[in-house]
Structures are given as C-alpha cells and as structure tokens.
Amino acid sequence: MSAQEQVVIVGGTKGLGRLLAERFIAQGHAVTVLSRTKPDGGLAYRHIAVDLEALVDAAPVVEQVVQAGGKVRYLVFCQRYRGTGDAWQGEMQVTLNATRLLINGFADQFCDSGDRAIAVVSSVYAQFVGGSQPDSYHVAKAGLNQLVKFHAWGMGRRNVRINAIMPLSYLKDESRRFVESNQPLMQLYHDFVPLKRIGEAADSANLVEFLCSDKAAFINGQSIFVDGGVSVVWPEELARTMAGFN
C-alpha cells in the first residue's frame, strides 16, 4: 500500500462501519472516517467531521480528505439517518443524496492503478417491505441499489467497481446483550432463517472486505443479500413453518 492512499468510510464510528475500519487498519490501510460526531478513541484512523444532512457540495470534503490522506483505494458507505426531523427528507438526503454527491465528488480521486472499489451498505428493505421501517427507509435503500447499477457503468469505465450489500437484521455490539438474552427472539431467527441463526456484523463485514479486494475484480453493479438464505424462501413456506405446519 502506498503512503499516499487511503480507505474512506462514510459513517464508520460505530457498528458495521467501525468494524470495517478495524478490518482495513489491520490490513495495513490508512483509514479516514467521515461522520457527524467524533468517534470514541481506540482506533488509529483519521476523522473528518461531516454533517451529511446538510451536505450540498462535496467538493470541500473531498479536497480535505485527499489533502490529508492522498488518493482513495476504497470508498465505503455505512451511514444511517438518525435525525429527528422529517424522516422522508432526512433519509433521502443522508442515505441517497449524500452518497450520490460523494461518489461524484471522489470519482476523479481514486488511485491510478491497482484494485479500486466502492461498497454501499443497503438493506433487504431495498427489495422487500417490512413494517419495522418507514416508507422513506425503503425508498432510499431501493434508490441506493439503483445508484449502484448506474455507477457500475460510469465508474466501471474508470476501472472502479461498485457493489452493494443487503443485510438482514444482525447483531451489533451495542445490542448483543439485549438480543441474545431474548430467547423467544433468538428462537424466531433459528426457525425462519435457513442457516438457523441471526446474522452478525462480521458476516456483512466479510462481504464488504471481499468486495473491496482484488478477489472481487470482476464483480460490479451487484446488490448482494446477506440474509442466511431468507430471501430465497417462498413466503407461504415460511408462514407454514412459523405456524408449525411443516
């Protein structure tokens, strides 16, 4: 790895984003995290404060990132809207528009050679519907998947791949104790997930790591489920299983 290149993670202060920062640092990459709030200590990465909800021009952010750490090897989007304002406007801005602005802003700032990629954390709700999330979340995540397809052509012509992952709900460090102590909930995942368990943040991190490596050199424009096989099960079959008919 050149001293003048870096991995940029948007929203890397907690959960999956923080885990990915740890993984990339362990690989020897310099890591820059863009987020609104400064992360807790413990990780050797650069932090640049960015309020994605207010982002209208990515150029100053891109300039600051490149001046501080050089060209970009991998760009990873893990941000999540957590505001208290209008959910529709906030989700579209933080999830969709900020991603679009930053992809366009960094388009000319990737390394000149070697593997280069963009990874986007989407959701199963990009393709399915669930009452646990509002309409804004569903539409924004679906938009991300389409954005990935769009940029697979344009960025692909620059030899920069872009892919998305679509995780099912997974265990995070901050919620692990609560979830694992809830036996009915753990049993629920055992019963309806073909692999008979709830996902882990590491499952999603493993896929992002793969997509941000030369092992995925010919994978571009894909949105990949990380759901233990739930998405391939016909709903009627799942309902019968949950009701005890199978």
Foldseek 3Di string as FASTA:
>chain_A
DDQQEAEEEEPQQFWLSVVLLVVVVVVVGAYEYEEQDDHDDDGPHHYDHDDQLPDDACQVVLVVVCVVRNAYQEYEYDDDQDDDPDLQSRLCRNLPVSVVNVCVNNLVRHDQDDAHEYEYEAAPLCPDDDPVDDPSNSVSSVNVLVVQQVVLVVSVVSLYAYEYEHEDDADTPVCNVVQVVPVVNQQLQLQQQPVRGGHHSVLVSVVVVCCSHCVCSPDHSYYYYSYNCNVVDDPVVSVCSVVPND
